[in-house]
Amino acid sequence: MEENPFSSADTTELVSRRPKRRPYSKLQLLHLERDFQRCMYPSKERRAWLSQFLNLTERQVKIWFQNRRTKMKRTMEREERDNEQMRRDMANLALKFYVA
């Protein structure tokens, strides 16, 4: 019988190499959001300062800003689609009202 290359001991070792995900605290999110409102693309120096101030790694701060910009883009695209749909619905409603 062949040995499974992904035995539970190997899997546990692989999983333990990556640090466990820790959600941001409310205070960290408050500061990150405030900074995002001021500037969506903070400089390397600003990210370094934020990471020290918030007790995060520079990589965490950098990725948070990337994710936040993506979230904003998605939200804006969704709002644009919703607005366009509302314009079409209003136009159709107006046609029905005035044609009838």
Protein backbone atom coordinates (compact mmCIF):
# COMPACT_ATOMS: atom_id res chain seq x y z
CA MET A 1 0.00 0.00 0.00
CA GLU A 2 1.39 3.43 -0.99
CA GLU A 3 1.72 6.15 1.55
CA ASN A 4 -0.51 9.21 1.06
CA PRO A 5 1.75 12.20 0.20
CA PHE A 6 -0.75 14.48 1.94
CA SER A 7 -1.02 12.74 5.26
CA SER A 8 -2.46 14.69 8.18
CA ALA A 9 1.01 15.37 9.62
CA ASP A 10 2.15 16.95 6.33
CA THR A 11 -1.06 18.98 6.00
CA THR A 12 -0.77 20.30 9.55
CA GLU A 13 2.81 21.37 8.87
CA LEU A 14 1.79 23.24 5.70
CA VAL A 15 -1.10 25.00 7.38
CA SER A 16 0.95 26.09 10.39
CA ARG A 17 3.45 27.99 8.20
CA ARG A 18 0.92 30.68 7.35
CA PRO A 19 -0.09 32.99 10.20
CA LYS A 20 -3.71 32.79 11.29
CA ARG A 21 -5.88 35.55 9.89
CA ARG A 22 -6.63 38.22 12.45
CA PRO A 23 -9.41 40.69 11.67
CA TYR A 24 -8.68 44.37 12.06
CA SER A 25 -9.88 46.01 15.25
CA LYS A 26 -12.54 48.72 15.10
CA LEU A 27 -9.92 51.32 15.96
CA GLN A 28 -7.60 50.13 13.17
CA LEU A 29 -10.47 50.20 10.67
CA LEU A 30 -11.48 53.68 11.80
CA HIS A 31 -7.97 55.03 11.18
CA LEU A 32 -7.57 53.17 7.88
CA GLU A 33 -10.94 54.42 6.61
CA ARG A 34 -10.15 58.00 7.65
CA ASP A 35 -6.84 57.82 5.86
CA PHE A 36 -8.52 56.34 2.78
CA GLN A 37 -10.95 59.28 2.70
CA ARG A 38 -7.97 61.65 2.67
CA CYS A 39 -5.91 59.74 0.14
CA MET A 40 -6.67 56.51 -1.73
CA TYR A 41 -2.99 56.03 -2.63
CA PRO A 42 -0.85 56.71 0.45
CA SER A 43 2.89 57.05 0.00
CA LYS A 44 5.28 54.37 1.20
CA GLU A 45 6.22 56.66 4.10
CA ARG A 46 2.56 57.13 5.06
CA ARG A 47 1.94 53.38 4.92
CA ALA A 48 5.01 52.80 7.09
CA TRP A 49 3.77 55.35 9.62
CA LEU A 50 0.26 53.80 9.64
CA SER A 51 1.65 50.32 10.12
CA GLN A 52 3.64 51.42 13.16
CA PHE A 53 0.80 53.51 14.57
CA LEU A 54 -1.78 50.73 14.12
CA ASN A 55 0.56 47.86 15.03
CA LEU A 56 0.17 46.24 11.60
CA THR A 57 2.71 45.16 9.02
CA GLU A 58 3.34 47.43 6.03
CA ARG A 59 2.09 44.60 3.85
CA GLN A 60 -1.21 44.48 5.76
CA VAL A 61 -1.68 48.22 5.28
CA LYS A 62 -0.77 48.04 1.58
CA ILE A 63 -3.19 45.16 0.95
CA TRP A 64 -5.94 46.84 2.98
CA PHE A 65 -5.72 49.90 0.70
CA GLN A 66 -5.73 47.71 -2.42
CA ASN A 67 -8.80 45.85 -1.19
CA ARG A 68 -10.55 49.08 -0.21
CA ARG A 69 -9.97 50.59 -3.66
CA THR A 70 -11.37 47.42 -5.24
CA LYS A 71 -14.41 47.58 -2.95
CA MET A 72 -14.99 51.23 -3.88
CA LYS A 73 -14.73 50.46 -7.61
CA ARG A 74 -17.20 47.56 -7.26
CA THR A 75 -19.62 49.75 -5.30
CA MET A 76 -19.46 52.55 -7.86
CA GLU A 77 -20.03 50.11 -10.74
CA ARG A 78 -23.02 48.60 -8.91
CA GLU A 79 -24.50 52.07 -8.28
CA GLU A 80 -24.00 52.99 -11.93
CA ARG A 81 -25.84 49.81 -13.04
CA ASP A 82 -28.65 50.50 -10.56
CA ASN A 83 -28.99 54.10 -11.75
CA GLU A 84 -29.08 53.01 -15.38
CA GLN A 85 -31.77 50.44 -14.58
CA MET A 86 -33.78 53.09 -12.73
CA ARG A 87 -33.55 55.43 -15.76
CA ARG A 88 -34.81 52.63 -18.04
CA ASP A 89 -37.64 51.80 -15.64
CA MET A 90 -38.69 55.46 -15.39
CA ALA A 91 -38.62 55.83 -19.18
CA ASN A 92 -40.77 52.71 -19.60
CA LEU A 93 -43.18 53.94 -16.95
CA ALA A 94 -43.45 57.33 -18.64
CA LEU A 95 -44.15 55.68 -21.98
CA LYS A 96 -46.92 53.57 -20.48
CA PHE A 97 -48.45 56.56 -18.71
CA TYR A 98 -48.42 58.90 -21.73
CA VAL A 99 -49.32 56.32 -24.37
CA ALA A 100 -52.32 54.94 -22.49
